[in-house]
C-alpha cells in the first residue's frame, strides 16, 4: 500500500493543504477520524478521497454504505453527503477538493463533454486500486515542499485526466426539470449571507412553504434551512482561505455571532474555523 507523508505539524483533527499558486485544488488528511463527525453537507467542488485505514459510514444522497480501507469515494458538486466513524473505531482518509470549472475545462478539452461546464460523474465510490494509488500519490506530490508548482500542476492534470477517462459521466437527472426548486436553491446561494426567511425563498421561487420544504428535501437531500446553513459555511470556508479574521468571516457569511459560526462550521466540516484557517 502506498504510504502517506506525515504532517509536519501534528493536529488532533486534520491537516489541510492549499497553495495560492494552485487555487483549483485543496487537500485534507485525517490520520485518526474517531472524533470527527459530519452532518450532511455539500460542496461546490468535486471531491474525491480514499479510506487509508479502518472503516466508516458513507452517505451520498439517498445511498447509505459502509466503506473500508482501499475504497475511493467521489462526490459531485452539490451532492449531499457525510462520512462518519463506526462505533468509535479508528479510520483514516485523504480528500481532494477540485474546482468544478477547472475540472469541467479539462473534461471539455479531452472531448468528454459538449460544453465547458463540469458534467457530473455517475460513480459515488470505486474499489479501483489504480485510482486509490493515484489519490495517495497526488496528495504526496501536492504536499511535497521540494517540488515546484509546475510539477504539482502537471501531476494534478495527469491524475484527473485518468479519472475522467476511467469513470463514466452521469446521465442528465430529473432534477433538472425542477426549475422552481432550482430557483430556490440559487436564491439561497446568492443571498446566503442575509437573514433570509422562508417567505423570502418562497417568493423568489413562486412556491408555497409546505411544498418547498417537502419537495426541496426530496430533491436536495436536506431542508431549505440546512441548505442555507451549508451555503453559509461554504462561504465562510472561502473567506477563511482568503485570510480574513474569524470575526470578519462570521459576520460576512451571515452568522448571528461567533459561537453560532463555530458550532455550524465544526458540525459540517468536522474542524473549527481556526483549525481550517491554519
C-alpha atoms as a PDB file:
ATOM      1  CA  UNK A   1       0.000   0.000   0.000  1.00  0.00           C
ATOM      2  CA  UNK A   2       1.232   3.454  -0.838  1.00  0.00           C
ATOM      3  CA  UNK A   3       2.254   5.392   2.242  1.00  0.00           C
ATOM      4  CA  UNK A   4       1.231   8.947   3.048  1.00  0.00           C
ATOM      5  CA  UNK A   5       3.608  11.655   4.136  1.00  0.00           C
ATOM      6  CA  UNK A   6       3.313  12.616   7.803  1.00  0.00           C
ATOM      7  CA  UNK A   7       2.173  16.154   8.693  1.00  0.00           C
ATOM      8  CA  UNK A   8       4.965  18.405   9.863  1.00  0.00           C
ATOM      9  CA  UNK A   9       2.658  19.912  12.489  1.00  0.00           C
ATOM     10  CA  UNK A  10       0.567  17.182  14.140  1.00  0.00           C
ATOM     11  CA  UNK A  11      -3.102  18.027  14.596  1.00  0.00           C
ATOM     12  CA  UNK A  12      -5.690  16.057  16.535  1.00  0.00           C
ATOM     13  CA  UNK A  13      -8.225  16.697  13.792  1.00  0.00           C
ATOM     14  CA  UNK A  14      -6.703  17.140  10.378  1.00  0.00           C
ATOM     15  CA  UNK A  15      -4.096  18.623   8.121  1.00  0.00           C
ATOM     16  CA  UNK A  16      -5.346  20.977   5.431  1.00  0.00           C
ATOM     17  CA  UNK A  17      -3.228  21.797   2.403  1.00  0.00           C
ATOM     18  CA  UNK A  18      -3.681  24.588  -0.128  1.00  0.00           C
ATOM     19  CA  UNK A  19      -1.421  26.759  -2.271  1.00  0.00           C
ATOM     20  CA  UNK A  20      -2.334  30.155  -3.713  1.00  0.00           C
ATOM     21  CA  UNK A  21      -0.416  29.187  -6.854  1.00  0.00           C
ATOM     22  CA  UNK A  22      -2.769  26.216  -7.366  1.00  0.00           C
ATOM     23  CA  UNK A  23      -6.175  27.695  -6.492  1.00  0.00           C
ATOM     24  CA  UNK A  24      -8.132  24.928  -8.241  1.00  0.00           C
ATOM     25  CA  UNK A  25      -7.279  22.198  -5.725  1.00  0.00           C
ATOM     26  CA  UNK A  26      -7.277  21.710  -1.956  1.00  0.00           C
ATOM     27  CA  UNK A  27      -6.485  18.651   0.172  1.00  0.00           C
ATOM     28  CA  UNK A  28      -7.172  17.269   3.617  1.00  0.00           C
ATOM     29  CA  UNK A  29      -5.577  14.368   5.506  1.00  0.00           C
ATOM     30  CA  UNK A  30      -7.027  12.857   8.668  1.00  0.00           C
ATOM     31  CA  UNK A  31      -4.937  10.260  10.480  1.00  0.00           C
ATOM     32  CA  UNK A  32      -7.477   9.453  13.204  1.00  0.00           C
ATOM     33  CA  UNK A  33     -11.097  10.217  12.436  1.00  0.00           C
ATOM     34  CA  UNK A  34     -12.698   8.681  15.521  1.00  0.00           C
ATOM     35  CA  UNK A  35     -13.684  12.067  16.942  1.00  0.00           C
ATOM     36  CA  UNK A  36     -14.718  13.670  13.636  1.00  0.00           C
ATOM     37  CA  UNK A  37     -18.426  13.603  12.882  1.00  0.00           C
ATOM     38  CA  UNK A  38     -20.045  15.299   9.904  1.00  0.00           C
ATOM     39  CA  UNK A  39     -23.611  16.462   9.444  1.00  0.00           C
ATOM     40  CA  UNK A  40     -24.913  16.031   5.902  1.00  0.00           C
ATOM     41  CA  UNK A  41     -23.457  18.770   3.732  1.00  0.00           C
ATOM     42  CA  UNK A  42     -22.350  19.531   0.187  1.00  0.00           C
ATOM     43  CA  UNK A  43     -19.515  21.308  -1.614  1.00  0.00           C
ATOM     44  CA  UNK A  44     -19.373  23.416  -4.750  1.00  0.00           C
ATOM     45  CA  UNK A  45     -16.203  21.493  -5.588  1.00  0.00           C
ATOM     46  CA  UNK A  46     -15.788  17.977  -6.966  1.00  0.00           C
ATOM     47  CA  UNK A  47     -14.465  15.764  -4.171  1.00  0.00           C
ATOM     48  CA  UNK A  48     -12.530  12.513  -4.368  1.00  0.00           C
ATOM     49  CA  UNK A  49     -10.964  10.703  -1.451  1.00  0.00           C
ATOM     50  CA  UNK A  50      -9.666   7.395  -0.146  1.00  0.00           C
ATOM     51  CA  UNK A  51     -10.066   5.445   3.073  1.00  0.00           C
ATOM     52  CA  UNK A  52      -6.478   4.693   4.067  1.00  0.00           C
ATOM     53  CA  UNK A  53      -7.254   2.745   7.247  1.00  0.00           C
ATOM     54  CA  UNK A  54     -10.261   1.261   9.020  1.00  0.00           C
ATOM     55  CA  UNK A  55     -13.941   1.645   8.087  1.00  0.00           C
ATOM     56  CA  UNK A  56     -16.586   4.365   8.108  1.00  0.00           C
ATOM     57  CA  UNK A  57     -20.154   5.031   7.111  1.00  0.00           C
ATOM     58  CA  UNK A  58     -20.705   6.817   3.791  1.00  0.00           C
ATOM     59  CA  UNK A  59     -23.874   8.642   2.771  1.00  0.00           C
ATOM     60  CA  UNK A  60     -24.249  10.149  -0.693  1.00  0.00           C
ATOM     61  CA  UNK A  61     -27.750  11.489  -1.323  1.00  0.00           C
ATOM     62  CA  UNK A  62     -30.068   8.517  -0.687  1.00  0.00           C
ATOM     63  CA  UNK A  63     -27.309   5.862  -0.698  1.00  0.00           C
ATOM     64  CA  UNK A  64     -26.034   4.561   2.669  1.00  0.00           C
ATOM     65  CA  UNK A  65     -22.909   2.394   2.634  1.00  0.00           C
ATOM     66  CA  UNK A  66     -20.141   1.082   4.840  1.00  0.00           C
ATOM     67  CA  UNK A  67     -16.736   1.681   3.252  1.00  0.00           C
ATOM     68  CA  UNK A  68     -13.345   0.327   4.227  1.00  0.00           C
ATOM     69  CA  UNK A  69      -9.627   0.719   3.605  1.00  0.00           C
ATOM     70  CA  UNK A  70      -8.849   0.834  -0.110  1.00  0.00           C
ATOM     71  CA  UNK A  71     -12.165   2.429  -1.122  1.00  0.00           C
ATOM     72  CA  UNK A  72     -12.312   5.536  -3.313  1.00  0.00           C
ATOM     73  CA  UNK A  73     -15.283   7.851  -2.638  1.00  0.00           C
ATOM     74  CA  UNK A  74     -16.495  10.515  -5.060  1.00  0.00           C
ATOM     75  CA  UNK A  75     -18.911  13.425  -4.592  1.00  0.00           C
ATOM     76  CA  UNK A  76     -20.136  15.602  -7.435  1.00  0.00           C
ATOM     77  CA  UNK A  77     -20.641  19.311  -6.741  1.00  0.00           C
ATOM     78  CA  UNK A  78     -23.883  19.705  -4.801  1.00  0.00           C
ATOM     79  CA  UNK A  79     -24.130  16.060  -3.689  1.00  0.00           C
ATOM     80  CA  UNK A  80     -25.336  15.910  -0.092  1.00  0.00           C
ATOM     81  CA  UNK A  81     -23.018  13.526   1.736  1.00  0.00           C
ATOM     82  CA  UNK A  82     -21.357  12.572   5.014  1.00  0.00           C
ATOM     83  CA  UNK A  83     -18.760  10.078   6.263  1.00  0.00           C
ATOM     84  CA  UNK A  84     -18.577   9.175   9.933  1.00  0.00           C
ATOM     85  CA  UNK A  85     -16.793   6.733  12.279  1.00  0.00           C
ATOM     86  CA  UNK A  86     -18.330   3.389  13.244  1.00  0.00           C
ATOM     87  CA  UNK A  87     -18.640   2.690  16.992  1.00  0.00           C
ATOM     88  CA  UNK A  88     -15.518   4.704  17.783  1.00  0.00           C
ATOM     89  CA  UNK A  89     -13.298   2.533  15.594  1.00  0.00           C
ATOM     90  CA  UNK A  90     -10.214   4.270  14.121  1.00  0.00           C
ATOM     91  CA  UNK A  91     -10.233   5.263  10.472  1.00  0.00           C
ATOM     92  CA  UNK A  92      -8.077   7.500   8.291  1.00  0.00           C
ATOM     93  CA  UNK A  93      -8.605   9.200   4.970  1.00  0.00           C
ATOM     94  CA  UNK A  94      -7.344  11.672   2.402  1.00  0.00           C
ATOM     95  CA  UNK A  95      -9.620  14.002   0.425  1.00  0.00           C
ATOM     96  CA  UNK A  96      -9.008  16.181  -2.630  1.00  0.00           C
ATOM     97  CA  UNK A  97     -11.371  19.073  -3.438  1.00  0.00           C
ATOM     98  CA  UNK A  98     -11.246  20.276  -7.039  1.00  0.00           C
ATOM     99  CA  UNK A  99     -12.757  23.380  -8.593  1.00  0.00           C
ATOM    100  CA  UNK A 100     -15.640  22.285 -10.818  1.00  0.00           C
ATOM    101  CA  UNK A 101     -14.871  24.900 -13.504  1.00  0.00           C
ATOM    102  CA  UNK A 102     -11.251  23.712 -13.780  1.00  0.00           C
ATOM    103  CA  UNK A 103     -12.345  20.076 -13.965  1.00  0.00           C
ATOM    104  CA  UNK A 104     -15.058  20.911 -16.483  1.00  0.00           C
ATOM    105  CA  UNK A 105     -12.499  22.674 -18.676  1.00  0.00           C
ATOM    106  CA  UNK A 106     -10.284  19.585 -18.581  1.00  0.00           C
ATOM    107  CA  UNK A 107     -13.276  17.378 -19.348  1.00  0.00           C
ATOM    108  CA  UNK A 108     -14.127  19.517 -22.373  1.00  0.00           C
ATOM    109  CA  UNK A 109     -10.511  19.634 -23.585  1.00  0.00           C
ATOM    110  CA  UNK A 110     -10.457  15.820 -23.514  1.00  0.00           C
ATOM    111  CA  UNK A 111     -13.574  15.679 -25.668  1.00  0.00           C
ATOM    112  CA  UNK A 112     -15.655  14.138 -22.884  1.00  0.00           C
ATOM    113  CA  UNK A 113     -18.342  16.839 -22.705  1.00  0.00           C
ATOM    114  CA  UNK A 114     -20.090  19.143 -25.143  1.00  0.00           C
ATOM    115  CA  UNK A 115     -19.595  22.334 -23.140  1.00  0.00           C
ATOM    116  CA  UNK A 116     -17.040  23.775 -20.719  1.00  0.00           C
ATOM    117  CA  UNK A 117     -19.204  23.160 -17.651  1.00  0.00           C
ATOM    118  CA  UNK A 118     -18.456  20.125 -15.486  1.00  0.00           C
ATOM    119  CA  UNK A 119     -20.639  17.115 -16.257  1.00  0.00           C
ATOM    120  CA  UNK A 120     -21.128  15.016 -13.080  1.00  0.00           C
ATOM    121  CA  UNK A 121     -19.738  11.504 -12.839  1.00  0.00           C
ATOM    122  CA  UNK A 122     -22.007   8.525 -12.247  1.00  0.00           C
ATOM    123  CA  UNK A 123     -19.855   6.702  -9.666  1.00  0.00           C
ATOM    124  CA  UNK A 124     -20.027   7.615  -5.977  1.00  0.00           C
ATOM    125  CA  UNK A 125     -17.405   5.024  -4.977  1.00  0.00           C
ATOM    126  CA  UNK A 126     -14.864   2.703  -6.580  1.00  0.00           C
ATOM    127  CA  UNK A 127     -12.612  -0.197  -5.491  1.00  0.00           C
ATOM    128  CA  UNK A 128     -10.188   0.631  -8.334  1.00  0.00           C
ATOM    129  CA  UNK A 129      -6.684   0.227  -6.934  1.00  0.00           C
ATOM    130  CA  UNK A 130      -5.134   2.485  -9.575  1.00  0.00           C
ATOM    131  CA  UNK A 131      -7.473   5.337  -8.600  1.00  0.00           C
ATOM    132  CA  UNK A 132      -6.710   4.761  -4.923  1.00  0.00           C
ATOM    133  CA  UNK A 133      -2.966   4.869  -5.521  1.00  0.00           C
ATOM    134  CA  UNK A 134      -3.444   7.932  -7.719  1.00  0.00           C
ATOM    135  CA  UNK A 135      -5.115   9.915  -4.925  1.00  0.00           C
ATOM    136  CA  UNK A 136      -2.430   8.930  -2.421  1.00  0.00           C
ATOM    137  CA  UNK A 137       0.395   9.747  -4.824  1.00  0.00           C
ATOM    138  CA  UNK A 138      -1.089  13.090  -5.859  1.00  0.00           C
ATOM    139  CA  UNK A 139      -1.527  14.061  -2.211  1.00  0.00           C
ATOM    140  CA  UNK A 140       2.134  13.250  -1.664  1.00  0.00           C
ATOM    141  CA  UNK A 141       3.151  15.412  -4.626  1.00  0.00           C
ATOM    142  CA  UNK A 142       0.974  18.351  -3.566  1.00  0.00           C
ATOM    143  CA  UNK A 143       2.358  18.391  -0.018  1.00  0.00           C
ATOM    144  CA  UNK A 144       5.997  17.955  -1.048  1.00  0.00           C
ATOM    145  CA  UNK A 145       7.677  21.317  -0.441  1.00  0.00           C
ATOM    146  CA  UNK A 146      10.657  20.341  -2.593  1.00  0.00           C
ATOM    147  CA  UNK A 147       8.573  20.203  -5.779  1.00  0.00           C
ATOM    148  CA  UNK A 148       7.781  23.225  -7.936  1.00  0.00           C
ATOM    149  CA  UNK A 149       4.298  24.474  -8.805  1.00  0.00           C
ATOM    150  CA  UNK A 150       4.594  23.272 -12.406  1.00  0.00           C
ATOM    151  CA  UNK A 151       5.310  19.704 -11.294  1.00  0.00           C
ATOM    152  CA  UNK A 152       2.315  19.750  -8.975  1.00  0.00           C
ATOM    153  CA  UNK A 153       0.014  21.134 -11.650  1.00  0.00           C
ATOM    154  CA  UNK A 154       1.199  18.543 -14.161  1.00  0.00           C
ATOM    155  CA  UNK A 155       0.609  15.768 -11.630  1.00  0.00           C
ATOM    156  CA  UNK A 156      -2.914  17.022 -10.893  1.00  0.00           C
ATOM    157  CA  UNK A 157      -3.770  17.314 -14.583  1.00  0.00           C
ATOM    158  CA  UNK A 158      -2.443  13.826 -15.304  1.00  0.00           C
ATOM    159  CA  UNK A 159      -4.366  12.243 -12.430  1.00  0.00           C
ATOM    160  CA  UNK A 160      -7.684  13.907 -13.179  1.00  0.00           C
ATOM    161  CA  UNK A 161      -7.296  13.092 -16.858  1.00  0.00           C
ATOM    162  CA  UNK A 162      -7.143   9.452 -15.767  1.00  0.00           C
ATOM    163  CA  UNK A 163     -10.191   9.915 -13.503  1.00  0.00           C
ATOM    164  CA  UNK A 164     -12.278  11.459 -16.273  1.00  0.00           C
ATOM    165  CA  UNK A 165     -11.276   8.804 -18.795  1.00  0.00           C
ATOM    166  CA  UNK A 166     -11.858   5.953 -16.349  1.00  0.00           C
ATOM    167  CA  UNK A 167     -15.240   6.901 -14.882  1.00  0.00           C
ATOM    168  CA  UNK A 168     -18.442   7.447 -16.847  1.00  0.00           C
ATOM    169  CA  UNK A 169     -20.381  10.691 -16.766  1.00  0.00           C
ATOM    170  CA  UNK A 170     -23.859  10.605 -15.261  1.00  0.00           C
ATOM    171  CA  UNK A 171     -26.976  10.856 -17.405  1.00  0.00           C
ATOM    172  CA  UNK A 172     -28.998  14.035 -17.095  1.00  0.00           C
ATOM    173  CA  UNK A 173     -31.072  13.766 -13.925  1.00  0.00           C
ATOM    174  CA  UNK A 174     -34.761  14.510 -13.475  1.00  0.00           C
ATOM    175  CA  UNK A 175     -33.814  17.261 -11.034  1.00  0.00           C
ATOM    176  CA  UNK A 176     -33.017  19.484 -13.989  1.00  0.00           C
ATOM    177  CA  UNK A 177     -36.752  19.719 -14.666  1.00  0.00           C
ATOM    178  CA  UNK A 178     -37.474  21.181 -11.236  1.00  0.00           C
ATOM    179  CA  UNK A 179     -36.881  24.775 -12.246  1.00  0.00           C
ATOM    180  CA  UNK A 180     -38.633  26.365  -9.271  1.00  0.00           C
ATOM    181  CA  UNK A 181     -36.731  24.269  -6.735  1.00  0.00           C
ATOM    182  CA  UNK A 182     -33.500  25.083  -8.520  1.00  0.00           C
ATOM    183  CA  UNK A 183     -34.520  28.734  -8.404  1.00  0.00           C
ATOM    184  CA  UNK A 184     -34.963  28.428  -4.628  1.00  0.00           C
ATOM    185  CA  UNK A 185     -31.518  26.869  -4.283  1.00  0.00           C
ATOM    186  CA  UNK A 186     -29.923  29.546  -6.461  1.00  0.00           C
ATOM    187  CA  UNK A 187     -31.629  32.284  -4.447  1.00  0.00           C
ATOM    188  CA  UNK A 188     -30.265  30.884  -1.184  1.00  0.00           C
ATOM    189  CA  UNK A 189     -26.795  30.532  -2.687  1.00  0.00           C
ATOM    190  CA  UNK A 190     -26.824  34.145  -3.874  1.00  0.00           C
ATOM    191  CA  UNK A 191     -28.234  35.596  -0.638  1.00  0.00           C
ATOM    192  CA  UNK A 192     -26.935  33.167   1.997  1.00  0.00           C
ATOM    193  CA  UNK A 193     -25.211  35.923   3.994  1.00  0.00           C
ATOM    194  CA  UNK A 194     -28.524  37.702   4.504  1.00  0.00           C
ATOM    195  CA  UNK A 195     -31.130  36.987   7.185  1.00  0.00           C
ATOM    196  CA  UNK A 196     -33.463  35.067   4.889  1.00  0.00           C
ATOM    197  CA  UNK A 197     -36.909  33.896   5.925  1.00  0.00           C
ATOM    198  CA  UNK A 198     -38.810  31.011   4.381  1.00  0.00           C
ATOM    199  CA  UNK A 199     -41.245  33.543   2.867  1.00  0.00           C
ATOM    200  CA  UNK A 200     -38.375  35.260   1.051  1.00  0.00           C
ATOM    201  CA  UNK A 201     -37.312  31.969  -0.535  1.00  0.00           C
ATOM    202  CA  UNK A 202     -40.883  31.020  -1.424  1.00  0.00           C
ATOM    203  CA  UNK A 203     -41.469  34.396  -3.077  1.00  0.00           C
ATOM    204  CA  UNK A 204     -38.303  34.044  -5.177  1.00  0.00           C
ATOM    205  CA  UNK A 205     -39.227  30.513  -6.269  1.00  0.00           C
ATOM    206  CA  UNK A 206     -43.003  31.046  -6.507  1.00  0.00           C
ATOM    207  CA  UNK A 207     -43.712  28.103  -4.197  1.00  0.00           C
ATOM    208  CA  UNK A 208     -45.756  27.577  -1.045  1.00  0.00           C
ATOM    209  CA  UNK A 209     -43.828  26.975   2.210  1.00  0.00           C
ATOM    210  CA  UNK A 210     -45.240  23.470   2.641  1.00  0.00           C
ATOM    211  CA  UNK A 211     -44.368  22.374  -0.897  1.00  0.00           C
ATOM    212  CA  UNK A 212     -40.922  23.966  -0.759  1.00  0.00           C
ATOM    213  CA  UNK A 213     -39.996  22.190   2.475  1.00  0.00           C
ATOM    214  CA  UNK A 214     -41.256  18.794   1.312  1.00  0.00           C
ATOM    215  CA  UNK A 215     -40.049  18.851  -2.301  1.00  0.00           C
ATOM    216  CA  UNK A 216     -36.732  20.595  -1.615  1.00  0.00           C
ATOM    217  CA  UNK A 217     -35.646  17.910   0.858  1.00  0.00           C
ATOM    218  CA  UNK A 218     -36.643  15.171  -1.560  1.00  0.00           C
ATOM    219  CA  UNK A 219     -34.609  16.740  -4.363  1.00  0.00           C
ATOM    220  CA  UNK A 220     -31.560  18.028  -2.485  1.00  0.00           C
ATOM    221  CA  UNK A 221     -31.411  15.678   0.499  1.00  0.00           C
ATOM    222  CA  UNK A 222     -31.706  18.459   3.089  1.00  0.00           C
ATOM    223  CA  UNK A 223     -34.256  21.007   4.239  1.00  0.00           C
ATOM    224  CA  UNK A 224     -34.080  24.592   2.956  1.00  0.00           C
ATOM    225  CA  UNK A 225     -32.769  25.656   6.385  1.00  0.00           C
ATOM    226  CA  UNK A 226     -29.995  23.042   6.308  1.00  0.00           C
ATOM    227  CA  UNK A 227     -29.150  24.006   2.713  1.00  0.00           C
ATOM    228  CA  UNK A 228     -28.893  27.679   3.676  1.00  0.00           C
ATOM    229  CA  UNK A 229     -26.674  26.855   6.651  1.00  0.00           C
ATOM    230  CA  UNK A 230     -24.453  24.757   4.402  1.00  0.00           C
ATOM    231  CA  UNK A 231     -24.110  27.646   1.945  1.00  0.00           C
ATOM    232  CA  UNK A 232     -23.060  29.954   4.767  1.00  0.00           C
ATOM    233  CA  UNK A 233     -20.403  27.504   5.919  1.00  0.00           C
ATOM    234  CA  UNK A 234     -19.102  27.104   2.366  1.00  0.00           C
ATOM    235  CA  UNK A 235     -18.912  30.909   2.035  1.00  0.00           C
ATOM    236  CA  UNK A 236     -17.059  31.056   5.348  1.00  0.00           C
ATOM    237  CA  UNK A 237     -14.627  28.441   4.087  1.00  0.00           C
ATOM    238  CA  UNK A 238     -13.855  30.600   1.059  1.00  0.00           C
ATOM    239  CA  UNK A 239     -13.336  33.718   3.163  1.00  0.00           C
ATOM    240  CA  UNK A 240     -11.033  31.889   5.582  1.00  0.00           C
ATOM    241  CA  UNK A 241      -8.916  30.750   2.631  1.00  0.00           C
ATOM    242  CA  UNK A 242      -8.521  34.431   1.724  1.00  0.00           C
ATOM    243  CA  UNK A 243      -7.054  35.109   5.156  1.00  0.00           C
ATOM    244  CA  UNK A 244      -9.895  37.087   6.716  1.00  0.00           C
ATOM    245  CA  UNK A 245     -10.250  37.050  10.505  1.00  0.00           C
ATOM    246  CA  UNK A 246     -12.729  34.747  12.266  1.00  0.00           C
ATOM    247  CA  UNK A 247     -14.835  37.687  13.410  1.00  0.00           C
ATOM    248  CA  UNK A 248     -14.991  39.166   9.910  1.00  0.00           C
ATOM    249  CA  UNK A 249     -15.874  35.805   8.394  1.00  0.00           C
ATOM    250  CA  UNK A 250     -18.658  35.106  10.899  1.00  0.00           C
ATOM    251  CA  UNK A 251     -20.304  38.439  10.099  1.00  0.00           C
ATOM    252  CA  UNK A 252     -19.747  38.296   6.322  1.00  0.00           C
ATOM    253  CA  UNK A 253     -21.161  34.788   5.999  1.00  0.00           C
ATOM    254  CA  UNK A 254     -24.420  35.577   7.769  1.00  0.00           C
ATOM    255  CA  UNK A 255     -23.977  34.153  11.266  1.00  0.00           C
ATOM    256  CA  UNK A 256     -25.553  35.973  14.184  1.00  0.00           C
ATOM    257  CA  UNK A 257     -22.482  35.516  16.369  1.00  0.00           C
ATOM    258  CA  UNK A 258     -19.151  33.718  16.501  1.00  0.00           C
ATOM    259  CA  UNK A 259     -20.496  30.943  18.748  1.00  0.00           C
ATOM    260  CA  UNK A 260     -23.107  30.004  16.153  1.00  0.00           C
ATOM    261  CA  UNK A 261     -20.466  30.231  13.435  1.00  0.00           C
ATOM    262  CA  UNK A 262     -18.093  27.941  15.343  1.00  0.00           C
ATOM    263  CA  UNK A 263     -20.803  25.328  16.008  1.00  0.00           C
ATOM    264  CA  UNK A 264     -22.103  25.250  12.443  1.00  0.00           C
ATOM    265  CA  UNK A 265     -18.638  25.134  10.861  1.00  0.00           C
ATOM    266  CA  UNK A 266     -17.484  22.259  13.068  1.00  0.00           C
ATOM    267  CA  UNK A 267     -20.750  20.392  12.611  1.00  0.00           C
ATOM    268  CA  UNK A 268     -20.440  20.409   8.824  1.00  0.00           C
ATOM    269  CA  UNK A 269     -16.672  20.228   8.330  1.00  0.00           C
ATOM    270  CA  UNK A 270     -15.526  18.394  11.473  1.00  0.00           C
ATOM    271  CA  UNK A 271     -12.946  21.105  12.180  1.00  0.00           C
ATOM    272  CA  UNK A 272     -13.093  24.502  13.838  1.00  0.00           C
ATOM    273  CA  UNK A 273     -12.687  27.641  11.714  1.00  0.00           C
ATOM    274  CA  UNK A 274      -9.322  28.208  13.401  1.00  0.00           C
ATOM    275  CA  UNK A 275      -8.119  24.699  12.521  1.00  0.00           C
ATOM    276  CA  UNK A 276      -9.207  25.155   8.913  1.00  0.00           C
ATOM    277  CA  UNK A 277      -7.577  28.549   8.588  1.00  0.00           C
ATOM    278  CA  UNK A 278      -4.326  27.138   9.988  1.00  0.00           C
END
